[in-house]
Amino acid sequence: MFLPGLSPGCFSQPPALPVTSSGEEGIWIQDIAVVSSSRLLVSDFTKDTLRLVDSVNGGNVSCVCLPSRPDGVCLLQDGQAAVTQRVEQQIQFIRVDGDTLSLDKSINVKGPVIGISACDSHLVVTYDYPGRVETITVGGQVIDEMDNEKAGKQVFKWPYFIAISSSGDIFVSDCGTCTIIQMDRTLRITRTFSSPMLKQPFGIVSVSTDQLLVADKEGNSIVALNLTNGNVTPLLGKAGGIQAPQAVAWCPNSKKLYVGRDGGQTTLSVFKVRNEH
């Protein structure tokens, strides 16, 4: 379910969602993936874990230790998740069996992999340095790739997060060039979005056919990017408790936006679209 374009004032703010156990120190959340309207996957950079979080009542449901620090996480269609590990230059697959997480196979990739998203039966991944985007099979075979050399100019510097629209377009946030890059399924670059209001784009999520939400870490805001005209509109800022946002996830069923900030935290910020929208 995708919404019409979101606008300032369309969100209410329920209480923050606890993501740690009682008495546990704050964790560094790298990425968030929605499993269902009641479950989230959270990659914990501090403790080298992937957590399954109760998005209704809060707290950990399950947790699995990873070989090294995780970055991006995405849900696959077959009851699995995939987590990137830039230090190991690996993608670790996780079995999601109800409320239980367990390690599955891992694959090696060619570089410090960070962002990840599922596109049909394949994976789209980003690499930190040199900046590169690839489409790969779940076995690690490269199908398509795009880098500055192929683009014929510097497009990528630090490409991190990935969003895929309902039409299959691929969007990558680059916090080095402060742009959002749009590509088709073959990774052909079709458009690059820039704006003075995109100071340091990190997490991105598609909420409609013509709109992305972007976590602007340096700008301390969540902004809406209109894909039709390229306009950038602030939606949430410091007044809503947004500070150095890094990870975002959108649940279309509950119409909730989850935001994780840079640094140690014990909760996620939650924003819900008002019923009248």
C-alpha atoms as a PDB file:
ATOM      1  CA  MET A   1       0.000   0.000   0.000  1.00  0.00           C
ATOM      2  CA  PHE A   2       1.480   3.349  -1.063  1.00  0.00           C
ATOM      3  CA  LEU A   3       0.177   6.725   0.053  1.00  0.00           C
ATOM      4  CA  PRO A   4      -0.440   9.961  -1.763  1.00  0.00           C
ATOM      5  CA  GLY A   5       2.387  12.436  -1.188  1.00  0.00           C
ATOM      6  CA  LEU A   6       3.054  13.167   2.480  1.00  0.00           C
ATOM      7  CA  SER A   7       3.221  16.782   3.625  1.00  0.00           C
ATOM      8  CA  PRO A   8       4.255  18.789   6.697  1.00  0.00           C
ATOM      9  CA  GLY A   9       1.872  18.257   9.608  1.00  0.00           C
ATOM     10  CA  CYS A  10       0.623  14.879   8.389  1.00  0.00           C
ATOM     11  CA  PHE A  11       2.305  12.939  11.227  1.00  0.00           C
ATOM     12  CA  SER A  12       1.355  12.378  14.830  1.00  0.00           C
ATOM     13  CA  GLN A  13       4.036  11.159  17.237  1.00  0.00           C
ATOM     14  CA  PRO A  14       3.323   8.086  19.368  1.00  0.00           C
ATOM     15  CA  PRO A  15       5.702   7.274  22.262  1.00  0.00           C
ATOM     16  CA  ALA A  16       9.233   6.248  21.318  1.00  0.00           C
ATOM     17  CA  LEU A  17       9.723   2.528  20.743  1.00  0.00           C
ATOM     18  CA  PRO A  18      12.187   0.714  23.064  1.00  0.00           C
ATOM     19  CA  VAL A  19      14.673  -1.440  21.144  1.00  0.00           C
ATOM     20  CA  THR A  20      16.790  -2.630  24.075  1.00  0.00           C
ATOM     21  CA  SER A  21      16.119  -4.757  27.140  1.00  0.00           C
ATOM     22  CA  SER A  22      15.547  -3.164  30.530  1.00  0.00           C
ATOM     23  CA  GLY A  23      18.820  -1.816  31.917  1.00  0.00           C
ATOM     24  CA  GLU A  24      20.696  -2.344  28.653  1.00  0.00           C
ATOM     25  CA  GLU A  25      22.951   0.413  27.373  1.00  0.00           C
ATOM     26  CA  GLY A  26      22.153   2.282  24.175  1.00  0.00           C
ATOM     27  CA  ILE A  27      22.980   0.668  20.841  1.00  0.00           C
ATOM     28  CA  TRP A  28      24.136   2.121  17.518  1.00  0.00           C
ATOM     29  CA  ILE A  29      21.422   1.421  14.954  1.00  0.00           C
ATOM     30  CA  GLN A  30      22.724   1.240  11.398  1.00  0.00           C
ATOM     31  CA  ASP A  31      19.573   0.198   9.547  1.00  0.00           C
ATOM     32  CA  ILE A  32      15.959  -0.903  10.029  1.00  0.00           C
ATOM     33  CA  ALA A  33      13.781  -3.257   7.987  1.00  0.00           C
ATOM     34  CA  VAL A  34      10.054  -3.877   8.414  1.00  0.00           C
ATOM     35  CA  VAL A  35       9.067  -7.541   8.792  1.00  0.00           C
ATOM     36  CA  SER A  36       5.386  -6.926   9.548  1.00  0.00           C
ATOM     37  CA  SER A  37       3.177  -4.361  11.265  1.00  0.00           C
ATOM     38  CA  SER A  38       4.380  -5.785  14.599  1.00  0.00           C
ATOM     39  CA  ARG A  39       8.033  -6.694  13.942  1.00  0.00           C
ATOM     40  CA  LEU A  40      11.174  -4.814  12.867  1.00  0.00           C
ATOM     41  CA  LEU A  41      14.712  -5.936  12.132  1.00  0.00           C
ATOM     42  CA  VAL A  42      17.380  -3.634  13.574  1.00  0.00           C
ATOM     43  CA  SER A  43      21.097  -3.914  12.810  1.00  0.00           C
ATOM     44  CA  ASP A  44      23.112  -3.146  15.945  1.00  0.00           C
ATOM     45  CA  PHE A  45      26.588  -1.843  15.084  1.00  0.00           C
ATOM     46  CA  THR A  46      27.630  -1.701  18.761  1.00  0.00           C
ATOM     47  CA  LYS A  47      27.145  -5.335  19.698  1.00  0.00           C
ATOM     48  CA  ASP A  48      27.494  -7.025  16.288  1.00  0.00           C
ATOM     49  CA  THR A  49      23.926  -8.281  16.376  1.00  0.00           C
ATOM     50  CA  LEU A  50      20.683  -8.294  14.413  1.00  0.00           C
ATOM     51  CA  ARG A  51      17.640  -7.734  16.592  1.00  0.00           C
ATOM     52  CA  LEU A  52      13.992  -8.600  16.048  1.00  0.00           C
ATOM     53  CA  VAL A  53      12.012  -5.852  17.761  1.00  0.00           C
ATOM     54  CA  ASP A  54       8.354  -5.783  18.815  1.00  0.00           C
ATOM     55  CA  SER A  55       7.110  -2.646  17.071  1.00  0.00           C
ATOM     56  CA  VAL A  56       3.844  -2.629  19.044  1.00  0.00           C
ATOM     57  CA  ASN A  57       5.023  -3.088  22.632  1.00  0.00           C
ATOM     58  CA  GLY A  58       8.751  -2.495  22.220  1.00  0.00           C
ATOM     59  CA  GLY A  59      11.725  -4.582  23.298  1.00  0.00           C
ATOM     60  CA  ASN A  60      13.697  -7.462  21.815  1.00  0.00           C
ATOM     61  CA  VAL A  61      11.904 -10.579  20.661  1.00  0.00           C
ATOM     62  CA  SER A  62      14.988 -12.325  19.312  1.00  0.00           C
ATOM     63  CA  CYS A  63      18.636 -11.553  18.686  1.00  0.00           C
ATOM     64  CA  VAL A  64      21.412 -13.224  16.688  1.00  0.00           C
ATOM     65  CA  CYS A  65      25.157 -12.548  16.952  1.00  0.00           C
ATOM     66  CA  LEU A  66      26.974 -11.788  13.693  1.00  0.00           C
ATOM     67  CA  PRO A  67      30.612 -12.425  12.700  1.00  0.00           C
ATOM     68  CA  SER A  68      31.305  -8.676  12.584  1.00  0.00           C
ATOM     69  CA  ARG A  69      29.616  -5.301  12.688  1.00  0.00           C
ATOM     70  CA  PRO A  70      26.462  -5.082  10.551  1.00  0.00           C
ATOM     71  CA  ASP A  71      25.439  -2.221   8.306  1.00  0.00           C
ATOM     72  CA  GLY A  72      22.462  -2.582   5.957  1.00  0.00           C
ATOM     73  CA  VAL A  73      19.601  -5.041   6.403  1.00  0.00           C
ATOM     74  CA  CYS A  74      16.742  -6.048   4.136  1.00  0.00           C
ATOM     75  CA  LEU A  75      13.971  -8.620   4.165  1.00  0.00           C
ATOM     76  CA  LEU A  76      13.819 -11.233   1.403  1.00  0.00           C
ATOM     77  CA  GLN A  77      10.769 -12.999   0.031  1.00  0.00           C
ATOM     78  CA  ASP A  78      11.547 -16.477   1.333  1.00  0.00           C
ATOM     79  CA  GLY A  79      11.487 -15.885   5.085  1.00  0.00           C
ATOM     80  CA  GLN A  80      15.069 -14.687   5.141  1.00  0.00           C
ATOM     81  CA  ALA A  81      16.887 -11.454   5.762  1.00  0.00           C
ATOM     82  CA  ALA A  82      20.247 -10.282   4.473  1.00  0.00           C
ATOM     83  CA  VAL A  83      22.766  -8.181   6.412  1.00  0.00           C
ATOM     84  CA  THR A  84      25.888  -6.484   5.035  1.00  0.00           C
ATOM     85  CA  GLN A  85      29.215  -6.605   6.867  1.00  0.00           C
ATOM     86  CA  ARG A  86      31.677  -4.139   5.384  1.00  0.00           C
ATOM     87  CA  VAL A  87      34.709  -5.263   7.422  1.00  0.00           C
ATOM     88  CA  GLU A  88      34.261  -8.919   6.435  1.00  0.00           C
ATOM     89  CA  GLN A  89      33.208  -7.900   2.905  1.00  0.00           C
ATOM     90  CA  GLN A  90      30.358 -10.345   3.250  1.00  0.00           C
ATOM     91  CA  ILE A  91      26.594 -10.605   3.159  1.00  0.00           C
ATOM     92  CA  GLN A  92      25.192 -12.734   5.965  1.00  0.00           C
ATOM     93  CA  PHE A  93      21.799 -14.378   5.438  1.00  0.00           C
ATOM     94  CA  ILE A  94      19.476 -14.782   8.422  1.00  0.00           C
ATOM     95  CA  ARG A  95      16.559 -17.180   8.811  1.00  0.00           C
ATOM     96  CA  VAL A  96      13.458 -15.456  10.177  1.00  0.00           C
ATOM     97  CA  ASP A  97      11.303 -18.261  11.556  1.00  0.00           C
ATOM     98  CA  GLY A  98       8.399 -16.625  13.365  1.00  0.00           C
ATOM     99  CA  ASP A  99       9.993 -14.859  16.308  1.00  0.00           C
ATOM    100  CA  THR A 100      13.324 -16.655  16.014  1.00  0.00           C
ATOM    101  CA  LEU A 101      16.430 -15.450  14.177  1.00  0.00           C
ATOM    102  CA  SER A 102      19.293 -17.780  13.233  1.00  0.00           C
ATOM    103  CA  LEU A 103      22.369 -17.619  11.022  1.00  0.00           C
ATOM    104  CA  ASP A 104      22.205 -19.092   7.534  1.00  0.00           C
ATOM    105  CA  LYS A 105      24.827 -19.019   4.774  1.00  0.00           C
ATOM    106  CA  SER A 106      27.089 -16.071   3.971  1.00  0.00           C
ATOM    107  CA  ILE A 107      28.615 -14.941   0.674  1.00  0.00           C
ATOM    108  CA  ASN A 108      31.749 -12.953  -0.088  1.00  0.00           C
ATOM    109  CA  VAL A 109      31.566  -9.776  -2.142  1.00  0.00           C
ATOM    110  CA  LYS A 110      34.187  -7.591  -3.775  1.00  0.00           C
ATOM    111  CA  GLY A 111      34.580  -4.707  -1.379  1.00  0.00           C
ATOM    112  CA  PRO A 112      33.269  -2.960   1.765  1.00  0.00           C
ATOM    113  CA  VAL A 113      29.552  -3.508   1.206  1.00  0.00           C
ATOM    114  CA  ILE A 114      27.133  -1.225   3.078  1.00  0.00           C
ATOM    115  CA  GLY A 115      23.634  -0.739   1.664  1.00  0.00           C
ATOM    116  CA  ILE A 116      21.361  -3.587   0.602  1.00  0.00           C
ATOM    117  CA  SER A 117      17.859  -4.027  -0.795  1.00  0.00           C
ATOM    118  CA  ALA A 118      15.947  -6.813  -2.509  1.00  0.00           C
ATOM    119  CA  CYS A 119      14.786  -6.337  -6.087  1.00  0.00           C
ATOM    120  CA  ASP A 120      12.781  -9.257  -7.470  1.00  0.00           C
ATOM    121  CA  SER A 121      14.963 -12.320  -6.792  1.00  0.00           C
ATOM    122  CA  HIS A 122      18.207 -10.318  -6.764  1.00  0.00           C
ATOM    123  CA  LEU A 123      20.028  -8.000  -4.369  1.00  0.00           C
ATOM    124  CA  VAL A 124      21.111  -4.406  -4.932  1.00  0.00           C
ATOM    125  CA  VAL A 125      24.165  -3.411  -2.875  1.00  0.00           C
ATOM    126  CA  THR A 126      26.396  -0.353  -2.414  1.00  0.00           C
ATOM    127  CA  TYR A 127      30.112  -0.151  -1.690  1.00  0.00           C
ATOM    128  CA  ASP A 128      31.835   2.543   0.317  1.00  0.00           C
ATOM    129  CA  TYR A 129      35.186   3.022  -1.403  1.00  0.00           C
ATOM    130  CA  PRO A 130      35.476   3.226  -4.264  1.00  0.00           C
ATOM    131  CA  GLY A 131      31.788   4.117  -4.588  1.00  0.00           C
ATOM    132  CA  ARG A 132      29.917   1.481  -6.555  1.00  0.00           C
ATOM    133  CA  VAL A 133      26.456  -0.071  -6.930  1.00  0.00           C
ATOM    134  CA  GLU A 134      25.859  -3.668  -7.984  1.00  0.00           C
ATOM    135  CA  THR A 135      22.974  -5.984  -8.675  1.00  0.00           C
ATOM    136  CA  ILE A 136      23.937  -9.505  -7.593  1.00  0.00           C
ATOM    137  CA  THR A 137      22.350 -12.910  -7.224  1.00  0.00           C
ATOM    138  CA  VAL A 138      21.835 -14.364  -3.745  1.00  0.00           C
ATOM    139  CA  GLY A 139      24.872 -16.499  -4.561  1.00  0.00           C
ATOM    140  CA  GLY A 140      27.034 -13.398  -5.076  1.00  0.00           C
ATOM    141  CA  GLN A 141      27.289 -13.384  -8.882  1.00  0.00           C
ATOM    142  CA  VAL A 142      27.406  -9.844 -10.286  1.00  0.00           C
ATOM    143  CA  ILE A 143      24.631  -9.127 -12.799  1.00  0.00           C
ATOM    144  CA  ASP A 144      25.073  -5.376 -13.327  1.00  0.00           C
ATOM    145  CA  GLU A 145      27.297  -2.710 -11.827  1.00  0.00           C
ATOM    146  CA  MET A 146      27.679   1.043 -11.992  1.00  0.00           C
ATOM    147  CA  ASP A 147      30.607   3.173 -10.851  1.00  0.00           C
ATOM    148  CA  ASN A 148      32.157   6.517 -11.751  1.00  0.00           C
ATOM    149  CA  GLU A 149      34.184   5.032 -14.593  1.00  0.00           C
ATOM    150  CA  LYS A 150      31.120   3.554 -16.266  1.00  0.00           C
ATOM    151  CA  ALA A 151      29.127   6.727 -15.635  1.00  0.00           C
ATOM    152  CA  GLY A 152      31.879   8.805 -17.251  1.00  0.00           C
ATOM    153  CA  LYS A 153      31.910  11.282 -14.356  1.00  0.00           C
ATOM    154  CA  GLN A 154      31.906  11.330 -10.574  1.00  0.00           C
ATOM    155  CA  VAL A 155      28.441  10.281  -9.503  1.00  0.00           C
ATOM    156  CA  PHE A 156      29.339   8.276  -6.405  1.00  0.00           C
ATOM    157  CA  LYS A 157      31.488   9.152  -3.430  1.00  0.00           C
ATOM    158  CA  TRP A 158      29.934   7.442  -0.409  1.00  0.00           C
ATOM    159  CA  PRO A 159      26.795   5.658  -1.643  1.00  0.00           C
ATOM    160  CA  TYR A 160      25.063   4.123   1.360  1.00  0.00           C
ATOM    161  CA  PHE A 161      21.329   3.452   1.561  1.00  0.00           C
ATOM    162  CA  ILE A 162      18.983   2.063  -1.095  1.00  0.00           C
ATOM    163  CA  ALA A 163      15.256   2.366  -1.767  1.00  0.00           C
ATOM    164  CA  ILE A 164      13.303   0.629  -4.509  1.00  0.00           C
ATOM    165  CA  SER A 165      10.009   2.048  -5.739  1.00  0.00           C
ATOM    166  CA  SER A 166       6.900   0.066  -6.623  1.00  0.00           C
ATOM    167  CA  SER A 167       7.804   0.520 -10.304  1.00  0.00           C
ATOM    168  CA  GLY A 168      11.237  -1.026  -9.760  1.00  0.00           C
ATOM    169  CA  ASP A 169      13.325   2.153  -9.934  1.00  0.00           C
ATOM    170  CA  ILE A 170      16.388   2.089  -7.689  1.00  0.00           C
ATOM    171  CA  PHE A 171      17.385   5.065  -5.543  1.00  0.00           C
ATOM    172  CA  VAL A 172      20.718   5.438  -3.737  1.00  0.00           C
ATOM    173  CA  SER A 173      21.625   8.086  -1.175  1.00  0.00           C
ATOM    174  CA  ASP A 174      25.172   9.389  -1.375  1.00  0.00           C
ATOM    175  CA  CYS A 175      26.224  11.310   1.740  1.00  0.00           C
ATOM    176  CA  GLY A 176      29.500  12.334   0.079  1.00  0.00           C
ATOM    177  CA  THR A 177      27.978  14.094  -2.921  1.00  0.00           C
ATOM    178  CA  CYS A 178      24.773  14.975  -0.982  1.00  0.00           C
ATOM    179  CA  THR A 179      22.613  13.575  -3.766  1.00  0.00           C
ATOM    180  CA  ILE A 180      19.999  10.918  -4.444  1.00  0.00           C
ATOM    181  CA  ILE A 181      20.778   8.898  -7.578  1.00  0.00           C
ATOM    182  CA  GLN A 182      17.968   7.258  -9.539  1.00  0.00           C
ATOM    183  CA  MET A 183      18.693   4.154 -11.659  1.00  0.00           C
ATOM    184  CA  ASP A 184      16.686   1.665 -13.643  1.00  0.00           C
ATOM    185  CA  ARG A 185      16.847  -2.098 -13.101  1.00  0.00           C
ATOM    186  CA  THR A 186      20.007  -2.356 -15.218  1.00  0.00           C
ATOM    187  CA  LEU A 187      21.635   0.346 -13.022  1.00  0.00           C
ATOM    188  CA  ARG A 188      21.572   2.898 -15.821  1.00  0.00           C
ATOM    189  CA  ILE A 189      21.557   6.309 -14.154  1.00  0.00           C
ATOM    190  CA  THR A 190      18.408   8.150 -15.149  1.00  0.00           C
ATOM    191  CA  ARG A 191      18.446  11.151 -12.821  1.00  0.00           C
ATOM    192  CA  THR A 192      20.364  12.743  -9.960  1.00  0.00           C
ATOM    193  CA  PHE A 193      18.569  14.806  -7.336  1.00  0.00           C
ATOM    194  CA  SER A 194      20.323  17.562  -5.399  1.00  0.00           C
ATOM    195  CA  SER A 195      19.139  20.403  -3.210  1.00  0.00           C
ATOM    196  CA  PRO A 196      20.553  22.796  -0.599  1.00  0.00           C
ATOM    197  CA  MET A 197      18.150  21.021   1.770  1.00  0.00           C
ATOM    198  CA  LEU A 198      19.950  17.705   1.251  1.00  0.00           C
ATOM    199  CA  LYS A 199      22.925  18.324   3.520  1.00  0.00           C
ATOM    200  CA  GLN A 200      23.847  14.700   4.292  1.00  0.00           C
ATOM    201  CA  PRO A 201      21.322  12.141   3.033  1.00  0.00           C
ATOM    202  CA  PHE A 202      21.435   8.739   4.704  1.00  0.00           C
ATOM    203  CA  GLY A 203      18.415   6.457   5.080  1.00  0.00           C
ATOM    204  CA  ILE A 204      15.792   6.607   2.317  1.00  0.00           C
ATOM    205  CA  VAL A 205      12.437   4.917   1.842  1.00  0.00           C
ATOM    206  CA  SER A 206       9.804   4.928  -0.896  1.00  0.00           C
ATOM    207  CA  VAL A 207       6.314   5.847   0.343  1.00  0.00           C
ATOM    208  CA  SER A 208       4.532   6.460  -2.961  1.00  0.00           C
ATOM    209  CA  THR A 209       5.146   6.280  -6.681  1.00  0.00           C
ATOM    210  CA  ASP A 210       6.423   9.858  -6.727  1.00  0.00           C
ATOM    211  CA  GLN A 211       7.883  10.440  -3.271  1.00  0.00           C
ATOM    212  CA  LEU A 212      10.843   9.358  -1.152  1.00  0.00           C
ATOM    213  CA  LEU A 213      11.473  10.158   2.479  1.00  0.00           C
ATOM    214  CA  VAL A 214      15.114  10.940   3.274  1.00  0.00           C
ATOM    215  CA  ALA A 215      16.930  11.054   6.606  1.00  0.00           C
ATOM    216  CA  ASP A 216      19.149  14.133   6.387  1.00  0.00           C
ATOM    217  CA  LYS A 217      21.660  13.536   9.180  1.00  0.00           C
ATOM    218  CA  GLU A 218      23.470  16.870   9.113  1.00  0.00           C
ATOM    219  CA  GLY A 219      20.218  18.749   8.543  1.00  0.00           C
ATOM    220  CA  ASN A 220      18.581  17.077  11.577  1.00  0.00           C
ATOM    221  CA  SER A 221      15.464  16.438   9.548  1.00  0.00           C
ATOM    222  CA  ILE A 222      13.321  14.022   7.579  1.00  0.00           C
ATOM    223  CA  VAL A 223      12.553  15.491   4.170  1.00  0.00           C
ATOM    224  CA  ALA A 224      10.265  14.477   1.313  1.00  0.00           C
ATOM    225  CA  LEU A 225      11.734  14.275  -2.180  1.00  0.00           C
ATOM    226  CA  ASN A 226       9.189  14.757  -4.956  1.00  0.00           C
ATOM    227  CA  LEU A 227      10.333  12.502  -7.796  1.00  0.00           C
ATOM    228  CA  THR A 228       8.281  14.365 -10.384  1.00  0.00           C
ATOM    229  CA  ASN A 229       9.701  17.858  -9.940  1.00  0.00           C
ATOM    230  CA  GLY A 230      12.713  17.248  -7.660  1.00  0.00           C
ATOM    231  CA  ASN A 231      11.395  19.497  -4.895  1.00  0.00           C
ATOM    232  CA  VAL A 232      12.554  18.791  -1.341  1.00  0.00           C
ATOM    233  CA  THR A 233      10.157  19.554   1.531  1.00  0.00           C
ATOM    234  CA  PRO A 234      10.980  19.321   5.263  1.00  0.00           C
ATOM    235  CA  LEU A 235       8.533  17.042   7.093  1.00  0.00           C
ATOM    236  CA  LEU A 236      10.069  16.476  10.537  1.00  0.00           C
ATOM    237  CA  GLY A 237      12.816  18.284  12.416  1.00  0.00           C
ATOM    238  CA  LYS A 238      14.214  19.082  15.836  1.00  0.00           C
ATOM    239  CA  ALA A 239      10.780  20.105  17.099  1.00  0.00           C
ATOM    240  CA  GLY A 240       9.716  16.485  16.587  1.00  0.00           C
ATOM    241  CA  GLY A 241      12.816  15.133  18.284  1.00  0.00           C
ATOM    242  CA  ILE A 242      14.743  14.484  15.088  1.00  0.00           C
ATOM    243  CA  GLN A 243      18.470  14.726  15.696  1.00  0.00           C
ATOM    244  CA  ALA A 244      21.145  13.301  13.370  1.00  0.00           C
ATOM    245  CA  PRO A 245      18.737  10.770  11.776  1.00  0.00           C
ATOM    246  CA  GLN A 246      20.453   7.886  10.023  1.00  0.00           C
ATOM    247  CA  ALA A 247      18.092   4.944   9.526  1.00  0.00           C
ATOM    248  CA  VAL A 248      14.462   5.080   8.409  1.00  0.00           C
ATOM    249  CA  ALA A 249      11.830   2.426   7.739  1.00  0.00           C
ATOM    250  CA  TRP A 250       8.246   2.716   6.554  1.00  0.00           C
ATOM    251  CA  CYS A 251       5.428   0.292   7.425  1.00  0.00           C
ATOM    252  CA  PRO A 252       2.647   0.738   4.842  1.00  0.00           C
ATOM    253  CA  ASN A 253       0.120  -1.334   6.819  1.00  0.00           C
ATOM    254  CA  SER A 254       0.329   0.669  10.031  1.00  0.00           C
ATOM    255  CA  LYS A 255       1.319   3.893   8.206  1.00  0.00           C
ATOM    256  CA  LYS A 256       4.203   4.377  10.633  1.00  0.00           C
ATOM    257  CA  LEU A 257       7.654   5.805  10.031  1.00  0.00           C
ATOM    258  CA  TYR A 258      10.515   4.576  12.230  1.00  0.00           C
ATOM    259  CA  VAL A 259      13.633   6.708  12.656  1.00  0.00           C
ATOM    260  CA  GLY A 260      16.972   5.761  14.214  1.00  0.00           C
ATOM    261  CA  ARG A 261      19.561   8.437  14.947  1.00  0.00           C
ATOM    262  CA  ASP A 262      23.329   8.461  14.870  1.00  0.00           C
ATOM    263  CA  GLY A 263      24.959   7.338  18.147  1.00  0.00           C
ATOM    264  CA  GLY A 264      23.848   5.237  21.095  1.00  0.00           C
ATOM    265  CA  GLN A 265      20.100   4.966  21.670  1.00  0.00           C
ATOM    266  CA  THR A 266      17.618   2.785  23.490  1.00  0.00           C
ATOM    267  CA  THR A 267      14.574   3.774  21.427  1.00  0.00           C
ATOM    268  CA  LEU A 268      13.402   4.476  17.904  1.00  0.00           C
ATOM    269  CA  SER A 269      11.339   7.558  17.111  1.00  0.00           C
ATOM    270  CA  VAL A 270       7.905   6.679  15.728  1.00  0.00           C
ATOM    271  CA  PHE A 271       5.662   8.843  13.559  1.00  0.00           C
ATOM    272  CA  LYS A 272       2.196   7.844  12.368  1.00  0.00           C
ATOM    273  CA  VAL A 273       0.252   9.343   9.475  1.00  0.00           C
ATOM    274  CA  ARG A 274      -2.913  10.988  10.748  1.00  0.00           C
ATOM    275  CA  ASN A 275      -6.153   9.268   9.755  1.00  0.00           C
ATOM    276  CA  GLU A 276      -7.426  12.289   7.877  1.00  0.00           C
ATOM    277  CA  HIS A 277      -4.479  12.212   5.481  1.00  0.00           C
END
